[in-house]
Amino acid sequence: MRPVPGYICQFGAAFAQTDDDIKSRLDSVSETVKAAKDRLAAIKADHQMNQERLAAFTQDPEVTAMLAELDRARVQECANIVESAQTTMSTVMIRPT
């Protein structure tokens, strides 16, 4: 068996390091997406529970106003979660190697 030239070993090591870095970045993005999806699911479940609990009182203007405010807060919180996840993913994938 012939010895492998040194530059090939160097390229192999560099490739392995880059491969490990990319895998680490993708794992981080995957964790970010999972956390955001979990938070969004929790907000959705809470919203559905509130809607079901207060459904009988929708004729009351005070309850209707409260539900509208909860909807606005829920939409804003969901938007913040998505924006945060996008920022995190961009930061992770753009950082220099």
PDB file of N, CA and C in Angstrom:
ATOM      1  N   MET A   1       0.845  -1.177   0.000  1.00  0.00           N
ATOM      2  CA  MET A   1       0.000   0.000   0.000  1.00  0.00           C
ATOM      3  C   MET A   1       0.889   1.239   0.000  1.00  0.00           C
ATOM      4  N   ARG A   2       0.549   2.174  -0.870  1.00  0.00           N
ATOM      5  CA  ARG A   2       1.338   3.402  -0.979  1.00  0.00           C
ATOM      6  C   ARG A   2       0.930   4.401   0.091  1.00  0.00           C
ATOM      7  N   PRO A   3       1.854   5.157   0.612  1.00  0.00           N
ATOM      8  CA  PRO A   3       1.493   6.170   1.615  1.00  0.00           C
ATOM      9  C   PRO A   3       0.654   7.281   0.983  1.00  0.00           C
ATOM     10  N   VAL A   4      -0.232   7.836   1.775  1.00  0.00           N
ATOM     11  CA  VAL A   4      -1.090   8.930   1.316  1.00  0.00           C
ATOM     12  C   VAL A   4      -0.309  10.230   1.445  1.00  0.00           C
ATOM     13  N   PRO A   5      -0.266  11.025   0.368  1.00  0.00           N
ATOM     14  CA  PRO A   5       0.449  12.308   0.443  1.00  0.00           C
ATOM     15  C   PRO A   5      -0.122  13.194   1.558  1.00  0.00           C
ATOM     16  N   GLY A   6       0.738  13.990   2.164  1.00  0.00           N
ATOM     17  CA  GLY A   6       0.348  14.840   3.292  1.00  0.00           C
ATOM     18  C   GLY A   6      -0.763  15.816   2.979  1.00  0.00           C
ATOM     19  N   TYR A   7      -0.760  16.384   1.777  1.00  0.00           N
ATOM     20  CA  TYR A   7      -1.800  17.369   1.460  1.00  0.00           C
ATOM     21  C   TYR A   7      -3.183  16.728   1.401  1.00  0.00           C
ATOM     22  N   ILE A   8      -3.255  15.458   1.022  1.00  0.00           N
ATOM     23  CA  ILE A   8      -4.548  14.775   1.012  1.00  0.00           C
ATOM     24  C   ILE A   8      -5.049  14.597   2.441  1.00  0.00           C
ATOM     25  N   CYS A   9      -4.167  14.263   3.350  1.00  0.00           N
ATOM     26  CA  CYS A   9      -4.551  14.140   4.760  1.00  0.00           C
ATOM     27  C   CYS A   9      -5.040  15.475   5.305  1.00  0.00           C
ATOM     28  N   GLN A  10      -4.370  16.559   4.900  1.00  0.00           N
ATOM     29  CA  GLN A  10      -4.774  17.890   5.356  1.00  0.00           C
ATOM     30  C   GLN A  10      -6.170  18.238   4.838  1.00  0.00           C
ATOM     31  N   PHE A  11      -6.410  17.945   3.552  1.00  0.00           N
ATOM     32  CA  PHE A  11      -7.732  18.212   2.990  1.00  0.00           C
ATOM     33  C   PHE A  11      -8.797  17.375   3.682  1.00  0.00           C
ATOM     34  N   GLY A  12      -8.465  16.119   3.970  1.00  0.00           N
ATOM     35  CA  GLY A  12      -9.408  15.240   4.658  1.00  0.00           C
ATOM     36  C   GLY A  12      -9.754  15.770   6.034  1.00  0.00           C
ATOM     37  N   ALA A  13      -8.757  16.251   6.759  1.00  0.00           N
ATOM     38  CA  ALA A  13      -8.989  16.806   8.092  1.00  0.00           C
ATOM     39  C   ALA A  13      -9.831  18.084   8.020  1.00  0.00           C
ATOM     40  N   ALA A  14      -9.526  18.924   7.027  1.00  0.00           N
ATOM     41  CA  ALA A  14     -10.294  20.162   6.859  1.00  0.00           C
ATOM     42  C   ALA A  14     -11.744  19.844   6.501  1.00  0.00           C
ATOM     43  N   PHE A  15     -11.932  18.863   5.629  1.00  0.00           N
ATOM     44  CA  PHE A  15     -13.285  18.465   5.256  1.00  0.00           C
ATOM     45  C   PHE A  15     -14.042  17.929   6.464  1.00  0.00           C
ATOM     46  N   ALA A  16     -13.396  17.101   7.254  1.00  0.00           N
ATOM     47  CA  ALA A  16     -14.035  16.530   8.440  1.00  0.00           C
ATOM     48  C   ALA A  16     -14.438  17.628   9.423  1.00  0.00           C
ATOM     49  N   GLN A  17     -13.575  18.614   9.603  1.00  0.00           N
ATOM     50  CA  GLN A  17     -13.875  19.718  10.509  1.00  0.00           C
ATOM     51  C   GLN A  17     -15.064  20.526   9.996  1.00  0.00           C
ATOM     52  N   THR A  18     -15.087  20.819   8.706  1.00  0.00           N
ATOM     53  CA  THR A  18     -16.193  21.568   8.117  1.00  0.00           C
ATOM     54  C   THR A  18     -17.492  20.772   8.221  1.00  0.00           C
ATOM     55  N   ASP A  19     -17.396  19.480   7.961  1.00  0.00           N
ATOM     56  CA  ASP A  19     -18.570  18.611   8.050  1.00  0.00           C
ATOM     57  C   ASP A  19     -19.137  18.619   9.474  1.00  0.00           C
ATOM     58  N   ASP A  20     -18.272  18.533  10.462  1.00  0.00           N
ATOM     59  CA  ASP A  20     -18.711  18.570  11.865  1.00  0.00           C
ATOM     60  C   ASP A  20     -19.354  19.910  12.200  1.00  0.00           C
ATOM     61  N   ASP A  21     -18.775  21.005  11.681  1.00  0.00           N
ATOM     62  CA  ASP A  21     -19.319  22.339  11.938  1.00  0.00           C
ATOM     63  C   ASP A  21     -20.710  22.486  11.320  1.00  0.00           C
ATOM     64  N   ILE A  22     -20.874  22.031  10.088  1.00  0.00           N
ATOM     65  CA  ILE A  22     -22.181  22.116   9.423  1.00  0.00           C
ATOM     66  C   ILE A  22     -23.210  21.276  10.172  1.00  0.00           C
ATOM     67  N   LYS A  23     -22.816  20.084  10.586  1.00  0.00           N
ATOM     68  CA  LYS A  23     -23.735  19.222  11.347  1.00  0.00           C
ATOM     69  C   LYS A  23     -24.154  19.913  12.643  1.00  0.00           C
ATOM     70  N   SER A  24     -23.211  20.532  13.316  1.00  0.00           N
ATOM     71  CA  SER A  24     -23.510  21.244  14.556  1.00  0.00           C
ATOM     72  C   SER A  24     -24.491  22.391  14.295  1.00  0.00           C
ATOM     73  N   ARG A  25     -24.274  23.124  13.208  1.00  0.00           N
ATOM     74  CA  ARG A  25     -25.171  24.227  12.865  1.00  0.00           C
ATOM     75  C   ARG A  25     -26.577  23.717  12.563  1.00  0.00           C
ATOM     76  N   LEU A  26     -26.656  22.648  11.791  1.00  0.00           N
ATOM     77  CA  LEU A  26     -27.970  22.096  11.454  1.00  0.00           C
ATOM     78  C   LEU A  26     -28.682  21.569  12.693  1.00  0.00           C
ATOM     79  N   ASP A  27     -27.949  20.968  13.600  1.00  0.00           N
ATOM     80  CA  ASP A  27     -28.546  20.508  14.860  1.00  0.00           C
ATOM     81  C   ASP A  27     -29.097  21.682  15.656  1.00  0.00           C
ATOM     82  N   SER A  28     -28.347  22.782  15.671  1.00  0.00           N
ATOM     83  CA  SER A  28     -28.780  23.977  16.387  1.00  0.00           C
ATOM     84  C   SER A  28     -30.047  24.560  15.760  1.00  0.00           C
ATOM     85  N   VAL A  29     -30.096  24.601  14.437  1.00  0.00           N
ATOM     86  CA  VAL A  29     -31.282  25.102  13.745  1.00  0.00           C
ATOM     87  C   VAL A  29     -32.474  24.190  14.033  1.00  0.00           C
ATOM     88  N   SER A  30     -32.241  22.887  14.011  1.00  0.00           N
ATOM     89  CA  SER A  30     -33.304  21.930  14.293  1.00  0.00           C
ATOM     90  C   SER A  30     -33.869  22.138  15.702  1.00  0.00           C
ATOM     91  N   GLU A  31     -33.003  22.355  16.667  1.00  0.00           N
ATOM     92  CA  GLU A  31     -33.442  22.609  18.044  1.00  0.00           C
ATOM     93  C   GLU A  31     -34.243  23.905  18.133  1.00  0.00           C
ATOM     94  N   THR A  32     -33.803  24.921  17.402  1.00  0.00           N
ATOM     95  CA  THR A  32     -34.503  26.203  17.393  1.00  0.00           C
ATOM     96  C   THR A  32     -35.910  26.043  16.819  1.00  0.00           C
ATOM     97  N   VAL A  33     -36.015  25.330  15.715  1.00  0.00           N
ATOM     98  CA  VAL A  33     -37.319  25.112  15.082  1.00  0.00           C
ATOM     99  C   VAL A  33     -38.236  24.318  16.015  1.00  0.00           C
ATOM    100  N   LYS A  34     -37.707  23.279  16.632  1.00  0.00           N
ATOM    101  CA  LYS A  34     -38.520  22.460  17.543  1.00  0.00           C
ATOM    102  C   LYS A  34     -39.020  23.293  18.720  1.00  0.00           C
ATOM    103  N   ALA A  35     -38.147  24.106  19.300  1.00  0.00           N
ATOM    104  CA  ALA A  35     -38.554  24.945  20.433  1.00  0.00           C
ATOM    105  C   ALA A  35     -39.642  25.934  20.013  1.00  0.00           C
ATOM    106  N   ALA A  36     -39.485  26.537  18.837  1.00  0.00           N
ATOM    107  CA  ALA A  36     -40.488  27.494  18.355  1.00  0.00           C
ATOM    108  C   ALA A  36     -41.818  26.789  18.099  1.00  0.00           C
ATOM    109  N   LYS A  37     -41.776  25.609  17.487  1.00  0.00           N
ATOM    110  CA  LYS A  37     -43.007  24.861  17.226  1.00  0.00           C
ATOM    111  C   LYS A  37     -43.694  24.465  18.530  1.00  0.00           C
ATOM    112  N   ASP A  38     -42.914  24.075  19.523  1.00  0.00           N
ATOM    113  CA  ASP A  38     -43.492  23.714  20.827  1.00  0.00           C
ATOM    114  C   ASP A  38     -44.172  24.918  21.472  1.00  0.00           C
ATOM    115  N   ARG A  39     -43.510  26.085  21.411  1.00  0.00           N
ATOM    116  CA  ARG A  39     -44.092  27.294  21.992  1.00  0.00           C
ATOM    117  C   ARG A  39     -45.372  27.699  21.254  1.00  0.00           C
ATOM    118  N   LEU A  40     -45.350  27.596  19.926  1.00  0.00           N
ATOM    119  CA  LEU A  40     -46.540  27.940  19.143  1.00  0.00           C
ATOM    120  C   LEU A  40     -47.689  26.972  19.439  1.00  0.00           C
ATOM    121  N   ALA A  41     -47.386  25.700  19.604  1.00  0.00           N
ATOM    122  CA  ALA A  41     -48.414  24.711  19.925  1.00  0.00           C
ATOM    123  C   ALA A  41     -49.027  24.999  21.296  1.00  0.00           C
ATOM    124  N   ALA A  42     -48.196  25.399  22.250  1.00  0.00           N
ATOM    125  CA  ALA A  42     -48.704  25.725  23.589  1.00  0.00           C
ATOM    126  C   ALA A  42     -49.622  26.939  23.541  1.00  0.00           C
ATOM    127  N   ILE A  43     -49.251  27.930  22.753  1.00  0.00           N
ATOM    128  CA  ILE A  43     -50.090  29.127  22.612  1.00  0.00           C
ATOM    129  C   ILE A  43     -51.419  28.753  21.963  1.00  0.00           C
ATOM    130  N   LYS A  44     -51.359  27.908  20.935  1.00  0.00           N
ATOM    131  CA  LYS A  44     -52.579  27.480  20.252  1.00  0.00           C
ATOM    132  C   LYS A  44     -53.502  26.725  21.211  1.00  0.00           C
ATOM    133  N   ALA A  45     -52.932  25.818  22.000  1.00  0.00           N
ATOM    134  CA  ALA A  45     -53.736  25.045  22.955  1.00  0.00           C
ATOM    135  C   ALA A  45     -54.367  25.964  23.992  1.00  0.00           C
ATOM    136  N   ASP A  46     -53.611  26.930  24.488  1.00  0.00           N
ATOM    137  CA  ASP A  46     -54.126  27.882  25.470  1.00  0.00           C
ATOM    138  C   ASP A  46     -55.252  28.718  24.863  1.00  0.00           C
ATOM    139  N   HIS A  47     -55.060  29.132  23.622  1.00  0.00           N
ATOM    140  CA  HIS A  47     -56.074  29.924  22.930  1.00  0.00           C
ATOM    141  C   HIS A  47     -57.368  29.121  22.765  1.00  0.00           C
ATOM    142  N   GLN A  48     -57.237  27.867  22.355  1.00  0.00           N
ATOM    143  CA  GLN A  48     -58.427  27.023  22.183  1.00  0.00           C
ATOM    144  C   GLN A  48     -59.148  26.819  23.508  1.00  0.00           C
ATOM    145  N   MET A  49     -58.388  26.624  24.580  1.00  0.00           N
ATOM    146  CA  MET A  49     -58.991  26.442  25.886  1.00  0.00           C
ATOM    147  C   MET A  49     -59.762  27.699  26.302  1.00  0.00           C
ATOM    148  N   ASN A  50     -59.156  28.867  26.090  1.00  0.00           N
ATOM    149  CA  ASN A  50     -59.837  30.123  26.428  1.00  0.00           C
ATOM    150  C   ASN A  50     -61.098  30.304  25.591  1.00  0.00           C
ATOM    151  N   GLN A  51     -61.019  29.980  24.300  1.00  0.00           N
ATOM    152  CA  GLN A  51     -62.192  30.112  23.429  1.00  0.00           C
ATOM    153  C   GLN A  51     -63.326  29.201  23.909  1.00  0.00           C
ATOM    154  N   GLU A  52     -62.990  27.959  24.268  1.00  0.00           N
ATOM    155  CA  GLU A  52     -64.010  27.016  24.726  1.00  0.00           C
ATOM    156  C   GLU A  52     -64.621  27.456  26.059  1.00  0.00           C
ATOM    157  N   ARG A  53     -63.765  27.925  26.966  1.00  0.00           N
ATOM    158  CA  ARG A  53     -64.261  28.348  28.282  1.00  0.00           C
ATOM    159  C   ARG A  53     -65.183  29.549  28.185  1.00  0.00           C
ATOM    160  N   LEU A  54     -64.872  30.454  27.279  1.00  0.00           N
ATOM    161  CA  LEU A  54     -65.619  31.707  27.210  1.00  0.00           C
ATOM    162  C   LEU A  54     -66.669  31.721  26.103  1.00  0.00           C
ATOM    163  N   ALA A  55     -66.847  30.620  25.395  1.00  0.00           N
ATOM    164  CA  ALA A  55     -67.786  30.570  24.269  1.00  0.00           C
ATOM    165  C   ALA A  55     -69.211  30.929  24.689  1.00  0.00           C
ATOM    166  N   ALA A  56     -69.610  30.511  25.865  1.00  0.00           N
ATOM    167  CA  ALA A  56     -70.976  30.781  26.332  1.00  0.00           C
ATOM    168  C   ALA A  56     -71.211  32.259  26.639  1.00  0.00           C
ATOM    169  N   PHE A  57     -70.152  33.016  26.770  1.00  0.00           N
ATOM    170  CA  PHE A  57     -70.276  34.418  27.180  1.00  0.00           C
ATOM    171  C   PHE A  57     -69.975  35.395  26.045  1.00  0.00           C
ATOM    172  N   THR A  58     -69.977  34.929  24.805  1.00  0.00           N
ATOM    173  CA  THR A  58     -69.591  35.800  23.688  1.00  0.00           C
ATOM    174  C   THR A  58     -70.583  36.917  23.411  1.00  0.00           C
ATOM    175  N   GLN A  59     -71.773  36.838  23.977  1.00  0.00           N
ATOM    176  CA  GLN A  59     -72.751  37.922  23.812  1.00  0.00           C
ATOM    177  C   GLN A  59     -72.410  39.111  24.701  1.00  0.00           C
ATOM    178  N   ASP A  60     -71.610  38.888  25.707  1.00  0.00           N
ATOM    179  CA  ASP A  60     -71.204  39.953  26.630  1.00  0.00           C
ATOM    180  C   ASP A  60     -70.101  40.783  25.969  1.00  0.00           C
ATOM    181  N   PRO A  61     -70.325  42.085  25.785  1.00  0.00           N
ATOM    182  CA  PRO A  61     -69.322  42.930  25.118  1.00  0.00           C
ATOM    183  C   PRO A  61     -67.973  42.965  25.852  1.00  0.00           C
ATOM    184  N   GLU A  62     -68.022  42.867  27.163  1.00  0.00           N
ATOM    185  CA  GLU A  62     -66.776  42.876  27.935  1.00  0.00           C
ATOM    186  C   GLU A  62     -65.944  41.620  27.634  1.00  0.00           C
ATOM    187  N   VAL A  63     -66.610  40.479  27.546  1.00  0.00           N
ATOM    188  CA  VAL A  63     -65.926  39.227  27.228  1.00  0.00           C
ATOM    189  C   VAL A  63     -65.405  39.268  25.794  1.00  0.00           C
ATOM    190  N   THR A  64     -66.214  39.788  24.884  1.00  0.00           N
ATOM    191  CA  THR A  64     -65.795  39.901  23.485  1.00  0.00           C
ATOM    192  C   THR A  64     -64.560  40.797  23.373  1.00  0.00           C
ATOM    193  N   ALA A  65     -64.534  41.888  24.102  1.00  0.00           N
ATOM    194  CA  ALA A  65     -63.370  42.781  24.090  1.00  0.00           C
ATOM    195  C   ALA A  65     -62.143  42.080  24.671  1.00  0.00           C
ATOM    196  N   MET A  66     -62.367  41.299  25.725  1.00  0.00           N
ATOM    197  CA  MET A  66     -61.257  40.571  26.337  1.00  0.00           C
ATOM    198  C   MET A  66     -60.706  39.524  25.367  1.00  0.00           C
ATOM    199  N   LEU A  67     -61.588  38.817  24.667  1.00  0.00           N
ATOM    200  CA  LEU A  67     -61.147  37.829  23.679  1.00  0.00           C
ATOM    201  C   LEU A  67     -60.379  38.492  22.538  1.00  0.00           C
ATOM    202  N   ALA A  68     -60.847  39.641  22.119  1.00  0.00           N
ATOM    203  CA  ALA A  68     -60.142  40.368  21.050  1.00  0.00           C
ATOM    204  C   ALA A  68     -58.747  40.779  21.512  1.00  0.00           C
ATOM    205  N   GLU A  69     -58.641  41.234  22.753  1.00  0.00           N
ATOM    206  CA  GLU A  69     -57.328  41.606  23.291  1.00  0.00           C
ATOM    207  C   GLU A  69     -56.427  40.389  23.407  1.00  0.00           C
ATOM    208  N   LEU A  70     -56.981  39.261  23.857  1.00  0.00           N
ATOM    209  CA  LEU A  70     -56.198  38.027  23.930  1.00  0.00           C
ATOM    210  C   LEU A  70     -55.725  37.596  22.543  1.00  0.00           C
ATOM    211  N   ASP A  71     -56.583  37.755  21.541  1.00  0.00           N
ATOM    212  CA  ASP A  71     -56.198  37.417  20.170  1.00  0.00           C
ATOM    213  C   ASP A  71     -55.044  38.289  19.681  1.00  0.00           C
ATOM    214  N   ARG A  72     -55.127  39.582  19.956  1.00  0.00           N
ATOM    215  CA  ARG A  72     -54.038  40.485  19.546  1.00  0.00           C
ATOM    216  C   ARG A  72     -52.730  40.105  20.232  1.00  0.00           C
ATOM    217  N   ALA A  73     -52.813  39.821  21.527  1.00  0.00           N
ATOM    218  CA  ALA A  73     -51.604  39.430  22.270  1.00  0.00           C
ATOM    219  C   ALA A  73     -51.049  38.112  21.752  1.00  0.00           C
ATOM    220  N   ARG A  74     -51.929  37.176  21.419  1.00  0.00           N
ATOM    221  CA  ARG A  74     -51.498  35.868  20.911  1.00  0.00           C
ATOM    222  C   ARG A  74     -50.808  36.023  19.555  1.00  0.00           C
ATOM    223  N   VAL A  75     -51.391  36.819  18.686  1.00  0.00           N
ATOM    224  CA  VAL A  75     -50.802  37.041  17.360  1.00  0.00           C
ATOM    225  C   VAL A  75     -49.428  37.691  17.510  1.00  0.00           C
ATOM    226  N   GLN A  76     -49.311  38.675  18.391  1.00  0.00           N
ATOM    227  CA  GLN A  76     -48.022  39.347  18.593  1.00  0.00           C
ATOM    228  C   GLN A  76     -46.991  38.390  19.167  1.00  0.00           C
ATOM    229  N   GLU A  77     -47.389  37.562  20.129  1.00  0.00           N
ATOM    230  CA  GLU A  77     -46.460  36.603  20.723  1.00  0.00           C
ATOM    231  C   GLU A  77     -45.992  35.585  19.684  1.00  0.00           C
ATOM    232  N   CYS A  78     -46.906  35.119  18.855  1.00  0.00           N
ATOM    233  CA  CYS A  78     -46.527  34.173  17.790  1.00  0.00           C
ATOM    234  C   CYS A  78     -45.564  34.829  16.802  1.00  0.00           C
ATOM    235  N   ALA A  79     -45.842  36.068  16.440  1.00  0.00           N
ATOM    236  CA  ALA A  79     -44.948  36.789  15.527  1.00  0.00           C
ATOM    237  C   ALA A  79     -43.560  36.951  16.146  1.00  0.00           C
ATOM    238  N   ASN A  80     -43.516  37.244  17.438  1.00  0.00           N
ATOM    239  CA  ASN A  80     -42.230  37.384  18.122  1.00  0.00           C
ATOM    240  C   ASN A  80     -41.461  36.060  18.142  1.00  0.00           C
ATOM    241  N   ILE A  81     -42.159  34.960  18.345  1.00  0.00           N
ATOM    242  CA  ILE A  81     -41.514  33.643  18.362  1.00  0.00           C
ATOM    243  C   ILE A  81     -40.916  33.332  16.992  1.00  0.00           C
ATOM    244  N   VAL A  82     -41.690  33.567  15.936  1.00  0.00           N
ATOM    245  CA  VAL A  82     -41.213  33.290  14.582  1.00  0.00           C
ATOM    246  C   VAL A  82     -40.021  34.186  14.244  1.00  0.00           C
ATOM    247  N   GLU A  83     -40.116  35.465  14.581  1.00  0.00           N
ATOM    248  CA  GLU A  83     -39.020  36.392  14.297  1.00  0.00           C
ATOM    249  C   GLU A  83     -37.749  35.990  15.056  1.00  0.00           C
ATOM    250  N   SER A  84     -37.898  35.611  16.302  1.00  0.00           N
ATOM    251  CA  SER A  84     -36.755  35.187  17.103  1.00  0.00           C
ATOM    252  C   SER A  84     -36.111  33.934  16.513  1.00  0.00           C
ATOM    253  N   ALA A  85     -36.938  32.976  16.103  1.00  0.00           N
ATOM    254  CA  ALA A  85     -36.411  31.743  15.509  1.00  0.00           C
ATOM    255  C   ALA A  85     -35.685  32.041  14.210  1.00  0.00           C
ATOM    256  N   GLN A  86     -36.237  32.924  13.386  1.00  0.00           N
ATOM    257  CA  GLN A  86     -35.587  33.286  12.127  1.00  0.00           C
ATOM    258  C   GLN A  86     -34.243  33.968  12.374  1.00  0.00           C
ATOM    259  N   THR A  87     -34.208  34.852  13.347  1.00  0.00           N
ATOM    260  CA  THR A  87     -32.962  35.541  13.682  1.00  0.00           C
ATOM    261  C   THR A  87     -31.914  34.549  14.163  1.00  0.00           C
ATOM    262  N   THR A  88     -32.322  33.643  15.031  1.00  0.00           N
ATOM    263  CA  THR A  88     -31.394  32.631  15.545  1.00  0.00           C
ATOM    264  C   THR A  88     -30.868  31.759  14.423  1.00  0.00           C
ATOM    265  N   MET A  89     -31.750  31.323  13.541  1.00  0.00           N
ATOM    266  CA  MET A  89     -31.319  30.461  12.431  1.00  0.00           C
ATOM    267  C   MET A  89     -30.361  31.212  11.501  1.00  0.00           C
ATOM    268  N   SER A  90     -30.665  32.464  11.208  1.00  0.00           N
ATOM    269  CA  SER A  90     -29.771  33.249  10.348  1.00  0.00           C
ATOM    270  C   SER A  90     -28.403  33.410  10.981  1.00  0.00           C
ATOM    271  N   THR A  91     -28.390  33.705  12.256  1.00  0.00           N
ATOM    272  CA  THR A  91     -27.123  33.881  12.975  1.00  0.00           C
ATOM    273  C   THR A  91     -26.315  32.596  12.962  1.00  0.00           C
ATOM    274  N   VAL A  92     -26.965  31.479  13.197  1.00  0.00           N
ATOM    275  CA  VAL A  92     -26.264  30.192  13.253  1.00  0.00           C
ATOM    276  C   VAL A  92     -25.692  29.829  11.888  1.00  0.00           C
ATOM    277  N   MET A  93     -26.468  30.020  10.842  1.00  0.00           N
ATOM    278  CA  MET A  93     -26.027  29.574   9.517  1.00  0.00           C
ATOM    279  C   MET A  93     -25.046  30.536   8.860  1.00  0.00           C
ATOM    280  N   ILE A  94     -25.037  31.797   9.264  1.00  0.00           N
ATOM    281  CA  ILE A  94     -24.163  32.785   8.622  1.00  0.00           C
ATOM    282  C   ILE A  94     -22.817  32.909   9.318  1.00  0.00           C
ATOM    283  N   ARG A  95     -22.738  32.505  10.576  1.00  0.00           N
ATOM    284  CA  ARG A  95     -21.495  32.725  11.312  1.00  0.00           C
ATOM    285  C   ARG A  95     -20.308  32.114  10.559  1.00  0.00           C
ATOM    286  N   PRO A  96     -19.163  32.770  10.631  1.00  0.00           N
ATOM    287  CA  PRO A  96     -18.003  32.275   9.888  1.00  0.00           C
ATOM    288  C   PRO A  96     -17.476  30.960  10.477  1.00  0.00           C
ATOM    289  N   THR A  97     -16.873  30.177   9.615  1.00  0.00           N
ATOM    290  CA  THR A  97     -16.317  28.897  10.053  1.00  0.00           C
ATOM    291  C   THR A  97     -14.945  29.073  10.642  1.00  0.00           C
TER     292      THR A  97
END
